[in-house]
Amino acid sequence: MSDEALAHEELPTRLRRALELVYQVEGVTGARIWFWTGHVAVGLTLSATSSAAEVLGRVESAVAPLRQMDEAWGFGVLEG
């Protein structure tokens, strides 16, 4: 099994769903997700023609239903 497939399998179902939703947002070309107790971080790679502020806002809205009350979520753009 590849490292990517293994990492995907280790994600909780809710966070795998979050990644699925992130990839459906226009302007997202790549995504990574990290989690630890009480925190989730989402890093994005964007298409060249996308506005970071707009895409980040759409991603936050897309995953909002999956957020738990006791979690802090952070979103950012990954350097490529």
PDB file of N, CA and C in Angstrom:
ATOM      1  N   MET A   1       0.858  -1.178   0.000  1.00  0.00           N
ATOM      2  CA  MET A   1       0.000   0.000   0.000  1.00  0.00           C
ATOM      3  C   MET A   1       0.899   1.234   0.000  1.00  0.00           C
ATOM      4  N   SER A   2       0.573   2.231  -0.810  1.00  0.00           N
ATOM      5  CA  SER A   2       1.376   3.448  -0.887  1.00  0.00           C
ATOM      6  C   SER A   2       1.206   4.288   0.377  1.00  0.00           C
ATOM      7  N   ASP A   3       2.167   5.195   0.618  1.00  0.00           N
ATOM      8  CA  ASP A   3       2.074   6.077   1.775  1.00  0.00           C
ATOM      9  C   ASP A   3       0.796   6.911   1.727  1.00  0.00           C
ATOM     10  N   GLU A   4       0.437   7.392   0.525  1.00  0.00           N
ATOM     11  CA  GLU A   4      -0.770   8.203   0.379  1.00  0.00           C
ATOM     12  C   GLU A   4      -2.015   7.396   0.729  1.00  0.00           C
ATOM     13  N   ALA A   5      -2.093   6.169   0.250  1.00  0.00           N
ATOM     14  CA  ALA A   5      -3.246   5.322   0.551  1.00  0.00           C
ATOM     15  C   ALA A   5      -3.297   4.995   2.034  1.00  0.00           C
ATOM     16  N   LEU A   6      -2.141   4.733   2.636  1.00  0.00           N
ATOM     17  CA  LEU A   6      -2.090   4.439   4.061  1.00  0.00           C
ATOM     18  C   LEU A   6      -2.542   5.638   4.873  1.00  0.00           C
ATOM     19  N   ALA A   7      -2.054   6.831   4.520  1.00  0.00           N
ATOM     20  CA  ALA A   7      -2.446   8.046   5.239  1.00  0.00           C
ATOM     21  C   ALA A   7      -3.947   8.274   5.108  1.00  0.00           C
ATOM     22  N   HIS A   8      -4.496   8.020   3.933  1.00  0.00           N
ATOM     23  CA  HIS A   8      -5.937   8.191   3.717  1.00  0.00           C
ATOM     24  C   HIS A   8      -6.722   7.236   4.610  1.00  0.00           C
ATOM     25  N   GLU A   9      -6.261   6.018   4.729  1.00  0.00           N
ATOM     26  CA  GLU A   9      -6.957   5.025   5.547  1.00  0.00           C
ATOM     27  C   GLU A   9      -6.921   5.384   7.031  1.00  0.00           C
ATOM     28  N   GLU A  10      -5.891   6.103   7.479  1.00  0.00           N
ATOM     29  CA  GLU A  10      -5.755   6.448   8.885  1.00  0.00           C
ATOM     30  C   GLU A  10      -6.648   7.615   9.296  1.00  0.00           C
ATOM     31  N   LEU A  11      -7.157   8.357   8.344  1.00  0.00           N
ATOM     32  CA  LEU A  11      -8.046   9.473   8.656  1.00  0.00           C
ATOM     33  C   LEU A  11      -9.396   8.962   9.130  1.00  0.00           C
ATOM     34  N   PRO A  12      -9.944   9.601  10.145  1.00  0.00           N
ATOM     35  CA  PRO A  12     -11.316   9.256  10.536  1.00  0.00           C
ATOM     36  C   PRO A  12     -12.277   9.525   9.364  1.00  0.00           C
ATOM     37  N   THR A  13     -13.358   8.807   9.330  1.00  0.00           N
ATOM     38  CA  THR A  13     -14.334   8.922   8.251  1.00  0.00           C
ATOM     39  C   THR A  13     -14.779  10.368   8.042  1.00  0.00           C
ATOM     40  N   ARG A  14     -15.021  11.087   9.102  1.00  0.00           N
ATOM     41  CA  ARG A  14     -15.471  12.475   9.001  1.00  0.00           C
ATOM     42  C   ARG A  14     -14.437  13.353   8.291  1.00  0.00           C
ATOM     43  N   LEU A  15     -13.157  13.124   8.536  1.00  0.00           N
ATOM     44  CA  LEU A  15     -12.120  13.925   7.896  1.00  0.00           C
ATOM     45  C   LEU A  15     -11.861  13.477   6.461  1.00  0.00           C
ATOM     46  N   ARG A  16     -12.071  12.198   6.166  1.00  0.00           N
ATOM     47  CA  ARG A  16     -12.024  11.762   4.766  1.00  0.00           C
ATOM     48  C   ARG A  16     -13.127  12.444   3.976  1.00  0.00           C
ATOM     49  N   ARG A  17     -14.303  12.560   4.584  1.00  0.00           N
ATOM     50  CA  ARG A  17     -15.419  13.262   3.930  1.00  0.00           C
ATOM     51  C   ARG A  17     -15.080  14.739   3.739  1.00  0.00           C
ATOM     52  N   ALA A  18     -14.402  15.328   4.716  1.00  0.00           N
ATOM     53  CA  ALA A  18     -13.984  16.731   4.588  1.00  0.00           C
ATOM     54  C   ALA A  18     -13.082  16.901   3.369  1.00  0.00           C
ATOM     55  N   LEU A  19     -12.137  15.991   3.177  1.00  0.00           N
ATOM     56  CA  LEU A  19     -11.269  16.069   2.001  1.00  0.00           C
ATOM     57  C   LEU A  19     -12.064  15.938   0.706  1.00  0.00           C
ATOM     58  N   GLU A  20     -13.031  15.043   0.692  1.00  0.00           N
ATOM     59  CA  GLU A  20     -13.879  14.893  -0.497  1.00  0.00           C
ATOM     60  C   GLU A  20     -14.583  16.209  -0.814  1.00  0.00           C
ATOM     61  N   LEU A  21     -15.107  16.865   0.207  1.00  0.00           N
ATOM     62  CA  LEU A  21     -15.796  18.134   0.010  1.00  0.00           C
ATOM     63  C   LEU A  21     -14.835  19.230  -0.446  1.00  0.00           C
ATOM     64  N   VAL A  22     -13.645  19.255   0.121  1.00  0.00           N
ATOM     65  CA  VAL A  22     -12.645  20.260  -0.248  1.00  0.00           C
ATOM     66  C   VAL A  22     -12.306  20.144  -1.728  1.00  0.00           C
ATOM     67  N   TYR A  23     -12.098  18.916  -2.209  1.00  0.00           N
ATOM     68  CA  TYR A  23     -11.737  18.719  -3.609  1.00  0.00           C
ATOM     69  C   TYR A  23     -12.870  19.083  -4.564  1.00  0.00           C
ATOM     70  N   GLN A  24     -14.082  19.220  -4.078  1.00  0.00           N
ATOM     71  CA  GLN A  24     -15.199  19.627  -4.937  1.00  0.00           C
ATOM     72  C   GLN A  24     -15.289  21.143  -5.092  1.00  0.00           C
ATOM     73  N   VAL A  25     -14.529  21.877  -4.297  1.00  0.00           N
ATOM     74  CA  VAL A  25     -14.568  23.343  -4.355  1.00  0.00           C
ATOM     75  C   VAL A  25     -13.761  23.821  -5.561  1.00  0.00           C
ATOM     76  N   GLU A  26     -14.372  24.671  -6.362  1.00  0.00           N
ATOM     77  CA  GLU A  26     -13.708  25.220  -7.538  1.00  0.00           C
ATOM     78  C   GLU A  26     -12.463  25.993  -7.115  1.00  0.00           C
ATOM     79  N   GLY A  27     -11.360  25.717  -7.792  1.00  0.00           N
ATOM     80  CA  GLY A  27     -10.107  26.400  -7.513  1.00  0.00           C
ATOM     81  C   GLY A  27      -9.134  25.579  -6.685  1.00  0.00           C
ATOM     82  N   VAL A  28      -9.596  24.490  -6.072  1.00  0.00           N
ATOM     83  CA  VAL A  28      -8.720  23.624  -5.287  1.00  0.00           C
ATOM     84  C   VAL A  28      -8.094  22.583  -6.211  1.00  0.00           C
ATOM     85  N   THR A  29      -6.757  22.525  -6.198  1.00  0.00           N
ATOM     86  CA  THR A  29      -6.060  21.518  -7.002  1.00  0.00           C
ATOM     87  C   THR A  29      -5.361  20.479  -6.137  1.00  0.00           C
ATOM     88  N   GLY A  30      -5.247  20.746  -4.847  1.00  0.00           N
ATOM     89  CA  GLY A  30      -4.634  19.793  -3.927  1.00  0.00           C
ATOM     90  C   GLY A  30      -5.020  20.140  -2.506  1.00  0.00           C
ATOM     91  N   ALA A  31      -4.978  19.145  -1.628  1.00  0.00           N
ATOM     92  CA  ALA A  31      -5.347  19.391  -0.233  1.00  0.00           C
ATOM     93  C   ALA A  31      -4.648  18.395   0.679  1.00  0.00           C
ATOM     94  N   ARG A  32      -4.343  18.859   1.865  1.00  0.00           N
ATOM     95  CA  ARG A  32      -3.802  18.008   2.928  1.00  0.00           C
ATOM     96  C   ARG A  32      -4.588  18.331   4.180  1.00  0.00           C
ATOM     97  N   ILE A  33      -4.717  17.364   5.043  1.00  0.00           N
ATOM     98  CA  ILE A  33      -5.430  17.588   6.297  1.00  0.00           C
ATOM     99  C   ILE A  33      -4.633  16.949   7.428  1.00  0.00           C
ATOM    100  N   TRP A  34      -4.518  17.681   8.513  1.00  0.00           N
ATOM    101  CA  TRP A  34      -3.836  17.194   9.709  1.00  0.00           C
ATOM    102  C   TRP A  34      -4.812  17.318  10.858  1.00  0.00           C
ATOM    103  N   PHE A  35      -4.697  16.418  11.824  1.00  0.00           N
ATOM    104  CA  PHE A  35      -5.574  16.519  12.981  1.00  0.00           C
ATOM    105  C   PHE A  35      -4.848  16.039  14.223  1.00  0.00           C
ATOM    106  N   TRP A  36      -5.199  16.635  15.320  1.00  0.00           N
ATOM    107  CA  TRP A  36      -4.734  16.238  16.636  1.00  0.00           C
ATOM    108  C   TRP A  36      -5.826  16.653  17.597  1.00  0.00           C
ATOM    109  N   THR A  37      -5.745  16.268  18.812  1.00  0.00           N
ATOM    110  CA  THR A  37      -6.824  16.474  19.771  1.00  0.00           C
ATOM    111  C   THR A  37      -7.313  17.922  19.767  1.00  0.00           C
ATOM    112  N   GLY A  38      -8.560  18.097  19.382  1.00  0.00           N
ATOM    113  CA  GLY A  38      -9.195  19.412  19.399  1.00  0.00           C
ATOM    114  C   GLY A  38      -8.835  20.339  18.259  1.00  0.00           C
ATOM    115  N   HIS A  39      -8.055  19.871  17.287  1.00  0.00           N
ATOM    116  CA  HIS A  39      -7.606  20.734  16.188  1.00  0.00           C
ATOM    117  C   HIS A  39      -7.631  19.997  14.858  1.00  0.00           C
ATOM    118  N   VAL A  40      -7.976  20.731  13.811  1.00  0.00           N
ATOM    119  CA  VAL A  40      -7.893  20.234  12.443  1.00  0.00           C
ATOM    120  C   VAL A  40      -7.283  21.351  11.610  1.00  0.00           C
ATOM    121  N   ALA A  41      -6.310  21.013  10.777  1.00  0.00           N
ATOM    122  CA  ALA A  41      -5.695  21.983   9.875  1.00  0.00           C
ATOM    123  C   ALA A  41      -5.881  21.490   8.442  1.00  0.00           C
ATOM    124  N   VAL A  42      -6.270  22.402   7.569  1.00  0.00           N
ATOM    125  CA  VAL A  42      -6.494  22.077   6.168  1.00  0.00           C
ATOM    126  C   VAL A  42      -5.588  22.970   5.334  1.00  0.00           C
ATOM    127  N   GLY A  43      -4.707  22.347   4.546  1.00  0.00           N
ATOM    128  CA  GLY A  43      -3.825  23.086   3.651  1.00  0.00           C
ATOM    129  C   GLY A  43      -4.247  22.852   2.213  1.00  0.00           C
ATOM    130  N   LEU A  44      -4.268  23.920   1.439  1.00  0.00           N
ATOM    131  CA  LEU A  44      -4.765  23.841   0.069  1.00  0.00           C
ATOM    132  C   LEU A  44      -3.719  24.283  -0.944  1.00  0.00           C
ATOM    133  N   THR A  45      -3.761  23.656  -2.100  1.00  0.00           N
ATOM    134  CA  THR A  45      -3.048  24.125  -3.274  1.00  0.00           C
ATOM    135  C   THR A  45      -4.132  24.619  -4.218  1.00  0.00           C
ATOM    136  N   LEU A  46      -3.922  25.811  -4.770  1.00  0.00           N
ATOM    137  CA  LEU A  46      -4.960  26.449  -5.585  1.00  0.00           C
ATOM    138  C   LEU A  46      -4.541  26.552  -7.043  1.00  0.00           C
ATOM    139  N   SER A  47      -5.534  26.630  -7.919  1.00  0.00           N
ATOM    140  CA  SER A  47      -5.248  26.869  -9.331  1.00  0.00           C
ATOM    141  C   SER A  47      -4.685  28.287  -9.473  1.00  0.00           C
ATOM    142  N   ALA A  48      -3.940  28.511 -10.529  1.00  0.00           N
ATOM    143  CA  ALA A  48      -3.268  29.794 -10.733  1.00  0.00           C
ATOM    144  C   ALA A  48      -4.233  30.962 -10.860  1.00  0.00           C
ATOM    145  N   THR A  49      -5.436  30.694 -11.285  1.00  0.00           N
ATOM    146  CA  THR A  49      -6.397  31.777 -11.513  1.00  0.00           C
ATOM    147  C   THR A  49      -7.348  31.997 -10.332  1.00  0.00           C
ATOM    148  N   SER A  50      -7.106  31.306  -9.228  1.00  0.00           N
ATOM    149  CA  SER A  50      -8.015  31.391  -8.080  1.00  0.00           C
ATOM    150  C   SER A  50      -7.567  32.446  -7.084  1.00  0.00           C
ATOM    151  N   SER A  51      -8.535  33.087  -6.472  1.00  0.00           N
ATOM    152  CA  SER A  51      -8.285  34.017  -5.379  1.00  0.00           C
ATOM    153  C   SER A  51      -8.269  33.222  -4.075  1.00  0.00           C
ATOM    154  N   ALA A  52      -7.175  33.326  -3.337  1.00  0.00           N
ATOM    155  CA  ALA A  52      -7.047  32.558  -2.094  1.00  0.00           C
ATOM    156  C   ALA A  52      -8.187  32.861  -1.133  1.00  0.00           C
ATOM    157  N   ALA A  53      -8.531  34.126  -0.964  1.00  0.00           N
ATOM    158  CA  ALA A  53      -9.583  34.499  -0.012  1.00  0.00           C
ATOM    159  C   ALA A  53     -10.918  33.862  -0.386  1.00  0.00           C
ATOM    160  N   GLU A  54     -11.251  33.888  -1.668  1.00  0.00           N
ATOM    161  CA  GLU A  54     -12.526  33.317  -2.115  1.00  0.00           C
ATOM    162  C   GLU A  54     -12.554  31.802  -1.928  1.00  0.00           C
ATOM    163  N   VAL A  55     -11.479  31.133  -2.325  1.00  0.00           N
ATOM    164  CA  VAL A  55     -11.445  29.673  -2.220  1.00  0.00           C
ATOM    165  C   VAL A  55     -11.457  29.245  -0.755  1.00  0.00           C
ATOM    166  N   LEU A  56     -10.662  29.905   0.077  1.00  0.00           N
ATOM    167  CA  LEU A  56     -10.651  29.556   1.501  1.00  0.00           C
ATOM    168  C   LEU A  56     -12.036  29.705   2.110  1.00  0.00           C
ATOM    169  N   GLY A  57     -12.745  30.760   1.745  1.00  0.00           N
ATOM    170  CA  GLY A  57     -14.101  30.963   2.250  1.00  0.00           C
ATOM    171  C   GLY A  57     -15.050  29.854   1.810  1.00  0.00           C
ATOM    172  N   ARG A  58     -14.939  29.447   0.543  1.00  0.00           N
ATOM    173  CA  ARG A  58     -15.801  28.369   0.038  1.00  0.00           C
ATOM    174  C   ARG A  58     -15.472  27.040   0.708  1.00  0.00           C
ATOM    175  N   VAL A  59     -14.183  26.794   0.948  1.00  0.00           N
ATOM    176  CA  VAL A  59     -13.779  25.553   1.615  1.00  0.00           C
ATOM    177  C   VAL A  59     -14.301  25.533   3.045  1.00  0.00           C
ATOM    178  N   GLU A  60     -14.147  26.640   3.764  1.00  0.00           N
ATOM    179  CA  GLU A  60     -14.654  26.701   5.140  1.00  0.00           C
ATOM    180  C   GLU A  60     -16.149  26.431   5.186  1.00  0.00           C
ATOM    181  N   SER A  61     -16.892  27.002   4.250  1.00  0.00           N
ATOM    182  CA  SER A  61     -18.338  26.770   4.192  1.00  0.00           C
ATOM    183  C   SER A  61     -18.663  25.318   3.864  1.00  0.00           C
ATOM    184  N   ALA A  62     -17.888  24.727   2.957  1.00  0.00           N
ATOM    185  CA  ALA A  62     -18.155  23.344   2.535  1.00  0.00           C
ATOM    186  C   ALA A  62     -17.992  22.354   3.682  1.00  0.00           C
ATOM    187  N   VAL A  63     -17.017  22.581   4.550  1.00  0.00           N
ATOM    188  CA  VAL A  63     -16.757  21.618   5.619  1.00  0.00           C
ATOM    189  C   VAL A  63     -17.432  21.988   6.938  1.00  0.00           C
ATOM    190  N   ALA A  64     -18.077  23.139   6.994  1.00  0.00           N
ATOM    191  CA  ALA A  64     -18.705  23.604   8.241  1.00  0.00           C
ATOM    192  C   ALA A  64     -19.615  22.554   8.893  1.00  0.00           C
ATOM    193  N   PRO A  65     -20.436  21.821   8.136  1.00  0.00           N
ATOM    194  CA  PRO A  65     -21.302  20.827   8.788  1.00  0.00           C
ATOM    195  C   PRO A  65     -20.544  19.687   9.480  1.00  0.00           C
ATOM    196  N   LEU A  66     -19.288  19.488   9.136  1.00  0.00           N
ATOM    197  CA  LEU A  66     -18.503  18.396   9.712  1.00  0.00           C
ATOM    198  C   LEU A  66     -17.747  18.804  10.976  1.00  0.00           C
ATOM    199  N   ARG A  67     -17.712  20.097  11.241  1.00  0.00           N
ATOM    200  CA  ARG A  67     -16.960  20.585  12.394  1.00  0.00           C
ATOM    201  C   ARG A  67     -17.672  20.231  13.691  1.00  0.00           C
ATOM    202  N   GLN A  68     -16.882  19.858  14.673  1.00  0.00           N
ATOM    203  CA  GLN A  68     -17.441  19.580  15.996  1.00  0.00           C
ATOM    204  C   GLN A  68     -17.251  20.808  16.883  1.00  0.00           C
ATOM    205  N   MET A  69     -18.136  20.956  17.850  1.00  0.00           N
ATOM    206  CA  MET A  69     -18.147  22.143  18.702  1.00  0.00           C
ATOM    207  C   MET A  69     -16.822  22.373  19.425  1.00  0.00           C
ATOM    208  N   ASP A  70     -16.148  21.327  19.822  1.00  0.00           N
ATOM    209  CA  ASP A  70     -14.935  21.461  20.630  1.00  0.00           C
ATOM    210  C   ASP A  70     -13.652  21.474  19.806  1.00  0.00           C
ATOM    211  N   GLU A  71     -13.752  21.706  18.489  1.00  0.00           N
ATOM    212  CA  GLU A  71     -12.582  21.705  17.618  1.00  0.00           C
ATOM    213  C   GLU A  71     -12.279  23.097  17.084  1.00  0.00           C
ATOM    214  N   ALA A  72     -11.000  23.365  16.927  1.00  0.00           N
ATOM    215  CA  ALA A  72     -10.548  24.567  16.229  1.00  0.00           C
ATOM    216  C   ALA A  72     -10.043  24.126  14.863  1.00  0.00           C
ATOM    217  N   TRP A  73     -10.571  24.729  13.818  1.00  0.00           N
ATOM    218  CA  TRP A  73     -10.149  24.409  12.455  1.00  0.00           C
ATOM    219  C   TRP A  73      -9.360  25.594  11.915  1.00  0.00           C
ATOM    220  N   GLY A  74      -8.266  25.296  11.210  1.00  0.00           N
ATOM    221  CA  GLY A  74      -7.477  26.315  10.548  1.00  0.00           C
ATOM    222  C   GLY A  74      -7.343  25.985   9.066  1.00  0.00           C
ATOM    223  N   PHE A  75      -7.315  27.016   8.247  1.00  0.00           N
ATOM    224  CA  PHE A  75      -7.244  26.837   6.792  1.00  0.00           C
ATOM    225  C   PHE A  75      -6.132  27.717   6.255  1.00  0.00           C
ATOM    226  N   GLY A  76      -5.381  27.189   5.277  1.00  0.00           N
ATOM    227  CA  GLY A  76      -4.312  27.974   4.687  1.00  0.00           C
ATOM    228  C   GLY A  76      -3.928  27.444   3.325  1.00  0.00           C
ATOM    229  N   VAL A  77      -3.082  28.219   2.661  1.00  0.00           N
ATOM    230  CA  VAL A  77      -2.613  27.872   1.330  1.00  0.00           C
ATOM    231  C   VAL A  77      -1.207  27.304   1.459  1.00  0.00           C
ATOM    232  N   LEU A  78      -0.979  26.162   0.820  1.00  0.00           N
ATOM    233  CA  LEU A  78       0.322  25.510   0.824  1.00  0.00           C
ATOM    234  C   LEU A  78       1.196  26.102  -0.272  1.00  0.00           C
ATOM    235  N   GLU A  79       2.450  26.305   0.024  1.00  0.00           N
ATOM    236  CA  GLU A  79       3.398  26.767  -0.988  1.00  0.00           C
ATOM    237  C   GLU A  79       3.753  25.601  -1.877  1.00  0.00           C
ATOM    238  N   GLY A  80       3.811  25.825  -3.151  1.00  0.00           N
ATOM    239  CA  GLY A  80       4.071  24.726  -4.063  1.00  0.00           C
ATOM    240  C   GLY A  80       5.383  24.831  -4.647  1.00  0.00           C
TER     241      GLY A  80
END
